Amino acid sequence: MTLRPFFCFYGGKWRDTPRHYPAPRYDHIIEPFAGSAGYSLRYPDRQVTLYDLDPVIVGVWSYLLRVSVAEILALPDVPMDGTVEAVGGCQEARWLAGFWLNKGVSGPRSAPSAWMKQGHRPGAFWGPRVRQTIASQLEAIRHWKIVPGAYQDAPPLNAPWFVSPPDPGAAGQHYRCGSKTIDYQHLGGAGPGRGR
C-alpha cells in the first residue's frame, strides 16, 4: 500500500522514492529529517519514527496522528481572497491547510497562491479532494511516531534510515531549520545512520 502525501513540502521525496531509493529491509523506518515523510509514505505499514527540528513539521504530524476523520472532513476551504485563518480550529490545522495553498514550500502559507487562484489543477490545492485524501489515509498512520528533535537524538536501532538532509548549499537555505547544525561527515559515516 502506498499513501499520497499528507502535505506538500519543499524537497519532498515521494515521487523519487520508487525510482531512486531501495525498499526497506527491516520493519522499522526512521526518517531523521521528516519533512512530509515521502519515503515512509511508500511503506506505511512499517513501524515509522519521524524526527524533525521544525516545530511546524512536528506540529502538523502530531495533529495528523491524533485528528479524527470527521474533523479533517469538516475543515473549511480558504477563500481565494482570504487567509488560512478561515480554517479556524487549532494552529496545526491551519498549518496543514497552509501547506496546500502553494506547492513545494518550506513552510505553510497564509493565503492562496497565484496558481491556486488561477484554477491550475484545482484538486491539487486545499479543498474537498485534498481533505478526502487525507481523511481516507489517517488510519494507516496511527501507529507512526513523531519526535521533536535532531537526527542525533534518534537511538541506534537496527532499522533503515531514510536520510535526506537539507542541502548544505543555497537550496538548503529555504528550510526553516536549515543545515547549519548538521555534521554531514558524522551523518554520512560514523553517525547512527549506518543501518540502512
N, C-alpha and C. Protein backbone atom coordinates (compact mmCIF):
# COMPACT_ATOMS: atom_id res chain seq x y z
N MET A 1 0.84 -1.18 0.00
CA MET A 1 0.00 0.00 0.00
C MET A 1 0.89 1.24 0.00
N THR A 2 0.57 2.21 -0.83
CA THR A 2 1.26 3.49 -0.88
C THR A 2 0.27 4.59 -0.56
N LEU A 3 0.68 5.53 0.27
CA LEU A 3 -0.15 6.68 0.60
C LEU A 3 0.27 7.88 -0.21
N ARG A 4 -0.65 8.78 -0.43
CA ARG A 4 -0.36 10.06 -1.07
C ARG A 4 0.19 11.00 0.01
N PRO A 5 0.92 12.04 -0.38
CA PRO A 5 1.42 12.99 0.62
C PRO A 5 0.28 13.65 1.41
N PHE A 6 0.49 13.77 2.70
CA PHE A 6 -0.47 14.46 3.56
C PHE A 6 -0.33 15.97 3.42
N PHE A 7 0.84 16.42 3.00
CA PHE A 7 1.06 17.83 2.68
C PHE A 7 2.28 17.92 1.77
N CYS A 8 2.31 18.98 0.99
CA CYS A 8 3.43 19.22 0.08
C CYS A 8 4.53 19.95 0.83
N PHE A 9 5.78 19.56 0.57
CA PHE A 9 6.89 20.17 1.27
C PHE A 9 8.08 20.30 0.34
N TYR A 10 8.78 21.39 0.46
CA TYR A 10 9.98 21.66 -0.33
C TYR A 10 10.99 20.51 -0.15
N GLY A 11 11.43 19.94 -1.26
CA GLY A 11 12.41 18.86 -1.19
C GLY A 11 11.83 17.50 -0.89
N GLY A 12 10.50 17.36 -0.93
CA GLY A 12 9.86 16.08 -0.65
C GLY A 12 10.34 14.99 -1.61
N LYS A 13 10.39 13.75 -1.13
CA LYS A 13 10.93 12.63 -1.91
C LYS A 13 9.88 11.61 -2.31
N TRP A 14 8.60 11.96 -2.21
CA TRP A 14 7.57 10.98 -2.51
C TRP A 14 7.66 10.47 -3.95
N ARG A 15 7.81 11.35 -4.90
CA ARG A 15 7.89 10.94 -6.31
C ARG A 15 9.19 10.20 -6.63
N ASP A 16 10.28 10.59 -5.99
CA ASP A 16 11.59 10.00 -6.28
C ASP A 16 11.80 8.62 -5.66
N THR A 17 11.08 8.31 -4.60
CA THR A 17 11.35 7.09 -3.85
C THR A 17 11.33 5.82 -4.72
N PRO A 18 10.31 5.56 -5.53
CA PRO A 18 10.31 4.29 -6.29
C PRO A 18 11.46 4.17 -7.29
N ARG A 19 11.92 5.29 -7.81
CA ARG A 19 12.97 5.25 -8.83
C ARG A 19 14.38 5.27 -8.27
N HIS A 20 14.57 5.91 -7.12
CA HIS A 20 15.94 6.18 -6.66
C HIS A 20 16.33 5.56 -5.33
N TYR A 21 15.37 4.99 -4.59
CA TYR A 21 15.70 4.50 -3.26
C TYR A 21 15.21 3.07 -3.08
N PRO A 22 16.03 2.22 -2.47
CA PRO A 22 15.62 0.82 -2.28
C PRO A 22 14.54 0.69 -1.21
N ALA A 23 13.80 -0.39 -1.29
CA ALA A 23 12.79 -0.69 -0.26
C ALA A 23 13.50 -1.00 1.05
N PRO A 24 12.86 -0.71 2.17
CA PRO A 24 13.49 -1.00 3.46
C PRO A 24 13.62 -2.50 3.69
N ARG A 25 14.68 -2.90 4.38
CA ARG A 25 14.91 -4.31 4.69
C ARG A 25 14.36 -4.71 6.05
N TYR A 26 14.02 -3.74 6.86
CA TYR A 26 13.56 -4.00 8.22
C TYR A 26 12.14 -3.47 8.40
N ASP A 27 11.54 -3.81 9.51
CA ASP A 27 10.16 -3.41 9.78
C ASP A 27 10.03 -2.00 10.35
N HIS A 28 11.15 -1.37 10.69
CA HIS A 28 11.12 -0.04 11.30
C HIS A 28 11.86 0.94 10.38
N ILE A 29 11.22 2.03 10.05
CA ILE A 29 11.83 3.09 9.24
C ILE A 29 12.01 4.31 10.13
N ILE A 30 13.17 4.94 10.02
CA ILE A 30 13.44 6.19 10.71
C ILE A 30 13.74 7.25 9.67
N GLU A 31 12.98 8.33 9.71
CA GLU A 31 13.27 9.49 8.86
C GLU A 31 13.74 10.61 9.78
N PRO A 32 15.07 10.84 9.86
CA PRO A 32 15.59 11.84 10.79
C PRO A 32 15.42 13.28 10.32
N PHE A 33 15.00 13.48 9.10
CA PHE A 33 14.64 14.79 8.56
C PHE A 33 13.26 14.62 7.94
N ALA A 34 12.25 14.56 8.77
CA ALA A 34 10.93 14.07 8.37
C ALA A 34 10.30 14.81 7.21
N GLY A 35 10.22 16.13 7.29
CA GLY A 35 9.50 16.86 6.26
C GLY A 35 8.14 16.24 6.05
N SER A 36 7.79 15.95 4.81
CA SER A 36 6.50 15.34 4.51
C SER A 36 6.56 13.81 4.46
N ALA A 37 7.69 13.22 4.89
CA ALA A 37 7.85 11.77 5.04
C ALA A 37 7.60 11.01 3.74
N GLY A 38 8.13 11.53 2.65
CA GLY A 38 7.90 10.94 1.34
C GLY A 38 8.31 9.49 1.21
N TYR A 39 9.41 9.10 1.86
CA TYR A 39 9.85 7.71 1.81
C TYR A 39 8.90 6.80 2.59
N SER A 40 8.58 7.18 3.82
CA SER A 40 7.73 6.35 4.68
C SER A 40 6.33 6.18 4.11
N LEU A 41 5.84 7.16 3.37
CA LEU A 41 4.51 7.05 2.79
C LEU A 41 4.41 5.90 1.79
N ARG A 42 5.55 5.47 1.27
CA ARG A 42 5.56 4.33 0.35
C ARG A 42 5.47 2.99 1.10
N TYR A 43 5.76 3.02 2.40
CA TYR A 43 5.76 1.81 3.22
C TYR A 43 5.03 2.07 4.54
N PRO A 44 3.78 2.51 4.49
CA PRO A 44 3.11 2.96 5.70
C PRO A 44 2.81 1.87 6.72
N ASP A 45 2.84 0.61 6.30
CA ASP A 45 2.55 -0.47 7.22
C ASP A 45 3.72 -0.77 8.15
N ARG A 46 4.91 -0.22 7.85
CA ARG A 46 6.07 -0.43 8.71
C ARG A 46 5.93 0.43 9.97
N GLN A 47 6.71 0.09 10.98
CA GLN A 47 6.81 0.99 12.12
C GLN A 47 7.62 2.19 11.64
N VAL A 48 7.11 3.39 11.84
CA VAL A 48 7.76 4.60 11.33
C VAL A 48 7.98 5.57 12.48
N THR A 49 9.22 6.06 12.58
CA THR A 49 9.54 7.11 13.54
C THR A 49 10.12 8.29 12.77
N LEU A 50 9.46 9.42 12.90
CA LEU A 50 9.88 10.65 12.22
C LEU A 50 10.53 11.57 13.25
N TYR A 51 11.62 12.21 12.86
CA TYR A 51 12.28 13.23 13.67
C TYR A 51 12.33 14.51 12.86
N ASP A 52 12.13 15.63 13.51
CA ASP A 52 12.32 16.92 12.84
C ASP A 52 12.54 18.00 13.88
N LEU A 53 13.36 18.96 13.50
CA LEU A 53 13.63 20.11 14.37
C LEU A 53 12.58 21.21 14.21
N ASP A 54 11.94 21.25 13.07
CA ASP A 54 10.98 22.32 12.76
C ASP A 54 9.70 22.09 13.56
N PRO A 55 9.36 23.02 14.47
CA PRO A 55 8.15 22.82 15.27
C PRO A 55 6.86 22.80 14.45
N VAL A 56 6.88 23.41 13.28
CA VAL A 56 5.70 23.38 12.41
C VAL A 56 5.52 21.97 11.84
N ILE A 57 6.59 21.37 11.37
CA ILE A 57 6.52 20.00 10.84
C ILE A 57 6.09 19.04 11.94
N VAL A 58 6.69 19.16 13.12
CA VAL A 58 6.32 18.31 14.25
C VAL A 58 4.85 18.52 14.60
N GLY A 59 4.41 19.78 14.61
CA GLY A 59 3.02 20.08 14.94
C GLY A 59 2.04 19.49 13.95
N VAL A 60 2.34 19.58 12.65
CA VAL A 60 1.44 19.04 11.63
C VAL A 60 1.36 17.52 11.74
N TRP A 61 2.51 16.85 11.90
CA TRP A 61 2.48 15.39 12.04
C TRP A 61 1.76 14.96 13.32
N SER A 62 2.01 15.68 14.41
CA SER A 62 1.32 15.35 15.67
C SER A 62 -0.19 15.46 15.49
N TYR A 63 -0.62 16.50 14.79
CA TYR A 63 -2.04 16.70 14.51
C TYR A 63 -2.60 15.56 13.67
N LEU A 64 -1.88 15.20 12.60
CA LEU A 64 -2.36 14.13 11.72
C LEU A 64 -2.45 12.79 12.44
N LEU A 65 -1.57 12.56 13.40
CA LEU A 65 -1.59 11.29 14.12
C LEU A 65 -2.72 11.19 15.13
N ARG A 66 -3.33 12.33 15.50
CA ARG A 66 -4.40 12.29 16.51
C ARG A 66 -5.77 12.74 15.99
N VAL A 67 -5.82 13.47 14.88
CA VAL A 67 -7.07 14.08 14.41
C VAL A 67 -8.05 13.01 13.93
N SER A 68 -9.32 13.27 14.08
CA SER A 68 -10.34 12.32 13.61
C SER A 68 -10.64 12.58 12.13
N VAL A 69 -11.15 11.56 11.49
CA VAL A 69 -11.56 11.68 10.09
C VAL A 69 -12.62 12.77 9.95
N ALA A 70 -13.59 12.78 10.84
CA ALA A 70 -14.67 13.77 10.78
C ALA A 70 -14.13 15.19 10.91
N GLU A 71 -13.14 15.38 11.77
CA GLU A 71 -12.58 16.72 11.94
C GLU A 71 -11.88 17.21 10.68
N ILE A 72 -11.13 16.33 10.02
CA ILE A 72 -10.46 16.71 8.76
C ILE A 72 -11.51 17.07 7.72
N LEU A 73 -12.53 16.24 7.58
CA LEU A 73 -13.56 16.48 6.57
C LEU A 73 -14.35 17.74 6.84
N ALA A 74 -14.42 18.16 8.09
CA ALA A 74 -15.19 19.35 8.45
C ALA A 74 -14.41 20.66 8.29
N LEU A 75 -13.10 20.58 8.04
CA LEU A 75 -12.33 21.81 7.89
C LEU A 75 -12.80 22.55 6.64
N PRO A 76 -12.93 23.86 6.71
CA PRO A 76 -13.44 24.62 5.57
C PRO A 76 -12.36 24.96 4.54
N ASP A 77 -12.82 25.42 3.39
CA ASP A 77 -11.93 25.94 2.36
C ASP A 77 -11.35 27.27 2.81
N VAL A 78 -10.30 27.69 2.12
CA VAL A 78 -9.74 29.03 2.30
C VAL A 78 -10.25 29.87 1.13
N PRO A 79 -10.97 30.95 1.39
CA PRO A 79 -11.46 31.78 0.28
C PRO A 79 -10.30 32.30 -0.57
N MET A 80 -10.53 32.42 -1.86
CA MET A 80 -9.47 32.89 -2.76
C MET A 80 -8.96 34.28 -2.38
N ASP A 81 -9.81 35.08 -1.77
CA ASP A 81 -9.38 36.41 -1.36
C ASP A 81 -9.16 36.48 0.15
N GLY A 82 -9.09 35.30 0.80
CA GLY A 82 -8.96 35.26 2.25
C GLY A 82 -7.62 34.69 2.69
N THR A 83 -7.59 34.28 3.95
CA THR A 83 -6.38 33.70 4.52
C THR A 83 -6.70 32.38 5.18
N VAL A 84 -5.65 31.72 5.61
CA VAL A 84 -5.78 30.42 6.26
C VAL A 84 -6.51 30.53 7.59
N GLU A 85 -6.66 31.73 8.11
CA GLU A 85 -7.41 31.90 9.36
C GLU A 85 -8.86 31.44 9.20
N ALA A 86 -9.36 31.38 7.96
CA ALA A 86 -10.72 30.92 7.71
C ALA A 86 -10.91 29.45 8.10
N VAL A 87 -9.80 28.71 8.18
CA VAL A 87 -9.88 27.29 8.54
C VAL A 87 -10.29 27.16 10.01
N GLY A 88 -9.91 28.14 10.83
CA GLY A 88 -10.25 28.09 12.25
C GLY A 88 -9.57 26.92 12.93
N GLY A 89 -10.16 26.45 14.01
CA GLY A 89 -9.61 25.31 14.72
C GLY A 89 -8.24 25.59 15.30
N CYS A 90 -7.48 24.53 15.49
CA CYS A 90 -6.16 24.65 16.10
C CYS A 90 -5.13 25.16 15.08
N GLN A 91 -4.02 25.63 15.61
CA GLN A 91 -2.95 26.15 14.76
C GLN A 91 -2.44 25.09 13.78
N GLU A 92 -2.34 23.86 14.24
CA GLU A 92 -1.83 22.79 13.38
C GLU A 92 -2.72 22.55 12.18
N ALA A 93 -4.04 22.69 12.34
CA ALA A 93 -4.97 22.55 11.21
C ALA A 93 -4.72 23.67 10.20
N ARG A 94 -4.47 24.86 10.68
CA ARG A 94 -4.19 25.98 9.77
C ARG A 94 -2.84 25.79 9.06
N TRP A 95 -1.86 25.26 9.78
CA TRP A 95 -0.58 24.95 9.13
C TRP A 95 -0.77 23.91 8.04
N LEU A 96 -1.54 22.87 8.33
CA LEU A 96 -1.79 21.83 7.32
C LEU A 96 -2.41 22.44 6.08
N ALA A 97 -3.46 23.22 6.25
CA ALA A 97 -4.09 23.88 5.11
C ALA A 97 -3.11 24.80 4.40
N GLY A 98 -2.27 25.51 5.17
CA GLY A 98 -1.31 26.44 4.60
C GLY A 98 -0.29 25.78 3.68
N PHE A 99 0.07 24.54 3.97
CA PHE A 99 0.99 23.82 3.08
C PHE A 99 0.34 23.51 1.74
N TRP A 100 -1.00 23.46 1.71
CA TRP A 100 -1.72 23.14 0.48
C TRP A 100 -2.10 24.39 -0.33
N LEU A 101 -1.75 25.57 0.13
CA LEU A 101 -2.08 26.80 -0.60
C LEU A 101 -1.06 27.12 -1.68
N ASN A 102 0.08 26.47 -1.61
CA ASN A 102 1.12 26.60 -2.62
C ASN A 102 1.84 25.26 -2.66
N LYS A 103 2.53 24.95 -3.72
CA LYS A 103 3.17 23.65 -3.87
C LYS A 103 4.65 23.71 -3.52
N GLY A 104 5.12 22.68 -2.81
CA GLY A 104 6.53 22.51 -2.55
C GLY A 104 7.18 23.64 -1.77
N VAL A 105 6.49 24.15 -0.77
CA VAL A 105 7.03 25.25 0.02
C VAL A 105 7.66 24.70 1.30
N SER A 106 8.54 25.50 1.92
CA SER A 106 9.22 25.05 3.12
C SER A 106 8.48 25.44 4.40
N GLY A 107 7.36 26.11 4.25
CA GLY A 107 6.54 26.47 5.39
C GLY A 107 5.14 26.78 4.92
N PRO A 108 4.17 26.68 5.81
CA PRO A 108 2.79 26.93 5.40
C PRO A 108 2.58 28.38 4.97
N ARG A 109 1.73 28.57 4.00
CA ARG A 109 1.41 29.91 3.51
C ARG A 109 0.11 30.39 4.15
N SER A 110 -0.08 31.68 4.15
CA SER A 110 -1.27 32.23 4.79
C SER A 110 -2.40 32.52 3.81
N ALA A 111 -2.07 32.62 2.52
CA ALA A 111 -3.09 32.95 1.52
C ALA A 111 -2.87 32.10 0.27
N PRO A 112 -3.93 31.88 -0.52
CA PRO A 112 -3.79 31.08 -1.74
C PRO A 112 -2.76 31.67 -2.70
N SER A 113 -2.00 30.77 -3.33
CA SER A 113 -1.00 31.17 -4.32
C SER A 113 -1.69 31.60 -5.61
N ALA A 114 -0.92 32.24 -6.48
CA ALA A 114 -1.45 32.64 -7.78
C ALA A 114 -1.93 31.42 -8.56
N TRP A 115 -1.20 30.31 -8.47
CA TRP A 115 -1.59 29.09 -9.18
C TRP A 115 -2.94 28.59 -8.68
N MET A 116 -3.14 28.63 -7.39
CA MET A 116 -4.42 28.18 -6.83
C MET A 116 -5.54 29.12 -7.28
N LYS A 117 -5.29 30.41 -7.25
CA LYS A 117 -6.30 31.38 -7.64
C LYS A 117 -6.66 31.26 -9.11
N GLN A 118 -5.69 30.89 -9.94
CA GLN A 118 -5.94 30.78 -11.37
C GLN A 118 -6.59 29.46 -11.76
N GLY A 119 -6.79 28.57 -10.79
CA GLY A 119 -7.50 27.32 -11.06
C GLY A 119 -6.67 26.24 -11.70
N HIS A 120 -5.33 26.37 -11.67
CA HIS A 120 -4.46 25.32 -12.20
C HIS A 120 -4.58 24.09 -11.32
N ARG A 121 -4.94 22.95 -11.90
CA ARG A 121 -5.08 21.70 -11.17
C ARG A 121 -5.87 21.91 -9.88
N PRO A 122 -7.13 22.22 -9.98
CA PRO A 122 -7.94 22.59 -8.81
C PRO A 122 -7.97 21.54 -7.70
N GLY A 123 -7.87 20.28 -8.02
CA GLY A 123 -7.88 19.25 -6.98
C GLY A 123 -6.55 19.09 -6.27
N ALA A 124 -5.53 19.85 -6.67
CA ALA A 124 -4.20 19.73 -6.09
C ALA A 124 -3.94 20.75 -4.98
N PHE A 125 -4.92 21.56 -4.67
CA PHE A 125 -4.77 22.56 -3.62
C PHE A 125 -5.82 22.31 -2.55
N TRP A 126 -5.73 23.04 -1.45
CA TRP A 126 -6.64 22.84 -0.32
C TRP A 126 -8.09 22.91 -0.76
N GLY A 127 -8.83 21.87 -0.50
CA GLY A 127 -10.23 21.79 -0.87
C GLY A 127 -10.77 20.42 -0.54
N PRO A 128 -11.99 20.12 -0.98
CA PRO A 128 -12.64 18.84 -0.63
C PRO A 128 -11.84 17.60 -1.04
N ARG A 129 -11.23 17.64 -2.22
CA ARG A 129 -10.48 16.46 -2.69
C ARG A 129 -9.27 16.18 -1.79
N VAL A 130 -8.54 17.23 -1.43
CA VAL A 130 -7.38 17.06 -0.56
C VAL A 130 -7.80 16.56 0.81
N ARG A 131 -8.85 17.15 1.37
CA ARG A 131 -9.32 16.71 2.68
C ARG A 131 -9.78 15.26 2.65
N GLN A 132 -10.45 14.85 1.58
CA GLN A 132 -10.91 13.47 1.46
C GLN A 132 -9.71 12.51 1.39
N THR A 133 -8.69 12.87 0.65
CA THR A 133 -7.49 12.03 0.56
C THR A 133 -6.83 11.89 1.93
N ILE A 134 -6.65 13.01 2.62
CA ILE A 134 -6.05 12.98 3.95
C ILE A 134 -6.89 12.10 4.88
N ALA A 135 -8.19 12.34 4.92
CA ALA A 135 -9.07 11.60 5.81
C ALA A 135 -9.03 10.10 5.53
N SER A 136 -8.98 9.72 4.27
CA SER A 136 -9.01 8.30 3.91
C SER A 136 -7.72 7.57 4.29
N GLN A 137 -6.66 8.31 4.61
CA GLN A 137 -5.37 7.70 4.91
C GLN A 137 -4.99 7.74 6.39
N LEU A 138 -5.76 8.43 7.20
CA LEU A 138 -5.37 8.64 8.60
C LEU A 138 -5.15 7.34 9.36
N GLU A 139 -6.03 6.37 9.18
CA GLU A 139 -5.91 5.12 9.94
C GLU A 139 -4.62 4.37 9.60
N ALA A 140 -4.07 4.59 8.42
CA ALA A 140 -2.85 3.89 8.01
C ALA A 140 -1.60 4.40 8.71
N ILE A 141 -1.69 5.56 9.37
CA ILE A 141 -0.50 6.10 10.04
C ILE A 141 -0.67 6.22 11.55
N ARG A 142 -1.72 5.68 12.11
CA ARG A 142 -1.96 5.81 13.55
C ARG A 142 -0.84 5.22 14.40
N HIS A 143 -0.10 4.27 13.87
CA HIS A 143 0.98 3.64 14.61
C HIS A 143 2.31 4.38 14.45
N TRP A 144 2.36 5.40 13.61
CA TRP A 144 3.59 6.18 13.42
C TRP A 144 3.86 7.02 14.66
N LYS A 145 5.09 7.53 14.73
CA LYS A 145 5.51 8.36 15.85
C LYS A 145 6.30 9.55 15.30
N ILE A 146 6.06 10.74 15.86
CA ILE A 146 6.83 11.93 15.51
C ILE A 146 7.57 12.38 16.77
N VAL A 147 8.85 12.67 16.62
CA VAL A 147 9.68 13.09 17.75
C VAL A 147 10.29 14.45 17.41
N PRO A 148 10.06 15.45 18.27
CA PRO A 148 10.71 16.73 18.04
C PRO A 148 12.19 16.63 18.41
N GLY A 149 13.05 16.80 17.43
CA GLY A 149 14.47 16.71 17.73
C GLY A 149 15.30 16.49 16.49
N ALA A 150 16.61 16.48 16.72
CA ALA A 150 17.59 16.33 15.64
C ALA A 150 17.89 14.86 15.40
N TYR A 151 18.53 14.60 14.28
CA TYR A 151 18.88 13.23 13.94
C TYR A 151 19.78 12.60 15.02
N GLN A 152 20.57 13.41 15.70
CA GLN A 152 21.45 12.88 16.74
C GLN A 152 20.66 12.33 17.93
N ASP A 153 19.39 12.73 18.05
CA ASP A 153 18.55 12.27 19.16
C ASP A 153 17.99 10.87 18.94
N ALA A 154 18.06 10.40 17.71
CA ALA A 154 17.50 9.08 17.40
C ALA A 154 18.39 7.99 17.98
N PRO A 155 17.80 7.00 18.63
CA PRO A 155 18.61 5.91 19.19
C PRO A 155 19.13 5.02 18.07
N PRO A 156 20.29 4.41 18.27
CA PRO A 156 20.79 3.49 17.25
C PRO A 156 19.94 2.22 17.24
N LEU A 157 19.23 2.01 16.17
CA LEU A 157 18.36 0.85 16.04
C LEU A 157 18.71 0.08 14.78
N ASN A 158 18.38 -1.18 14.75
CA ASN A 158 18.55 -1.99 13.55
C ASN A 158 17.35 -1.70 12.64
N ALA A 159 17.40 -0.54 12.02
CA ALA A 159 16.29 -0.08 11.20
C ALA A 159 16.84 0.75 10.06
N PRO A 160 16.16 0.76 8.91
CA PRO A 160 16.65 1.59 7.81
C PRO A 160 16.40 3.06 8.12
N TRP A 161 17.41 3.84 7.87
CA TRP A 161 17.30 5.29 7.97
C TRP A 161 17.12 5.82 6.57
N PHE A 162 16.10 6.62 6.38
CA PHE A 162 15.99 7.33 5.11
C PHE A 162 16.50 8.73 5.37
N VAL A 163 17.71 9.00 4.90
CA VAL A 163 18.38 10.26 5.22
C VAL A 163 18.37 11.17 4.00
N SER A 164 17.62 12.24 4.11
CA SER A 164 17.59 13.27 3.08
C SER A 164 17.68 14.62 3.78
N PRO A 165 18.91 14.98 4.21
CA PRO A 165 19.08 16.20 5.00
C PRO A 165 18.96 17.45 4.13
N PRO A 166 18.77 18.60 4.75
CA PRO A 166 18.79 19.85 3.99
C PRO A 166 20.11 20.01 3.26
N ASP A 167 20.05 20.47 2.05
CA ASP A 167 21.24 20.73 1.24
C ASP A 167 22.12 21.75 1.96
N PRO A 168 23.44 21.49 2.05
CA PRO A 168 24.30 22.46 2.73
C PRO A 168 24.53 23.73 1.92
N GLY A 169 24.13 23.72 0.65
CA GLY A 169 24.32 24.88 -0.20
C GLY A 169 23.13 25.81 -0.20
N ALA A 170 22.98 26.53 -1.29
CA ALA A 170 21.92 27.55 -1.40
C ALA A 170 20.53 26.97 -1.26
N ALA A 171 20.29 25.77 -1.80
CA ALA A 171 18.95 25.18 -1.73
C ALA A 171 18.52 24.92 -0.29
N GLY A 172 19.48 24.62 0.59
CA GLY A 172 19.16 24.35 1.98
C GLY A 172 18.75 25.56 2.78
N GLN A 173 18.95 26.74 2.23
CA GLN A 173 18.58 27.97 2.94
C GLN A 173 17.07 28.17 3.00
N HIS A 174 16.32 27.44 2.21
CA HIS A 174 14.87 27.61 2.19
C HIS A 174 14.17 26.93 3.36
N TYR A 175 14.85 26.00 4.03
CA TYR A 175 14.25 25.31 5.16
C TYR A 175 14.25 26.21 6.40
N ARG A 176 13.20 26.11 7.18
CA ARG A 176 13.12 26.90 8.42
C ARG A 176 14.22 26.51 9.38
N CYS A 177 14.53 25.23 9.48
CA CYS A 177 15.64 24.74 10.31
C CYS A 177 16.66 24.16 9.34
N GLY A 178 17.53 25.01 8.86
CA GLY A 178 18.45 24.66 7.77
C GLY A 178 19.57 23.72 8.14
N SER A 179 20.66 23.83 7.43
CA SER A 179 21.74 22.86 7.50
C SER A 179 22.88 23.27 8.42
N LYS A 180 22.79 24.39 9.08
CA LYS A 180 23.92 24.90 9.86
C LYS A 180 24.31 24.00 11.03
N THR A 181 23.38 23.26 11.57
CA THR A 181 23.69 22.43 12.74
C THR A 181 23.98 20.97 12.37
N ILE A 182 24.07 20.66 11.10
CA ILE A 182 24.27 19.27 10.68
C ILE A 182 25.75 18.99 10.45
N ASP A 183 26.23 17.95 11.08
CA ASP A 183 27.59 17.46 10.84
C ASP A 183 27.47 16.39 9.75
N TYR A 184 27.68 16.79 8.50
CA TYR A 184 27.45 15.89 7.37
C TYR A 184 28.40 14.69 7.38
N GLN A 185 29.63 14.89 7.85
CA GLN A 185 30.57 13.77 7.93
C GLN A 185 30.07 12.73 8.93
N HIS A 186 29.63 13.18 10.08
CA HIS A 186 29.07 12.27 11.09
C HIS A 186 27.84 11.57 10.55
N LEU A 187 26.96 12.32 9.93
CA LEU A 187 25.72 11.77 9.40
C LEU A 187 25.99 10.73 8.32
N GLY A 188 26.96 10.97 7.47
CA GLY A 188 27.23 10.09 6.34
C GLY A 188 28.07 8.87 6.65
N GLY A 189 28.77 8.85 7.76
CA GLY A 189 29.65 7.73 8.01
C GLY A 189 29.56 7.16 9.40
N ALA A 190 30.10 7.89 10.32
CA ALA A 190 30.20 7.36 11.68
C ALA A 190 28.92 7.53 12.47
N GLY A 191 27.94 8.23 11.91
CA GLY A 191 26.71 8.54 12.64
C GLY A 191 25.78 7.35 12.77
N PRO A 192 24.61 7.59 13.34
CA PRO A 192 23.67 6.50 13.61
C PRO A 192 23.00 5.95 12.36
N GLY A 193 23.21 6.55 11.20
CA GLY A 193 22.51 6.11 10.00
C GLY A 193 23.15 4.95 9.29
N ARG A 194 24.06 4.24 9.92
CA ARG A 194 24.80 3.15 9.24
C ARG A 194 23.93 1.94 8.91
N GLY A 195 22.78 1.80 9.58
CA GLY A 195 21.99 0.58 9.39
C GLY A 195 20.99 0.62 8.27
N ARG A 196 21.24 1.34 7.21
CA ARG A 196 20.30 1.43 6.11
C ARG A 196 20.00 0.04 5.63
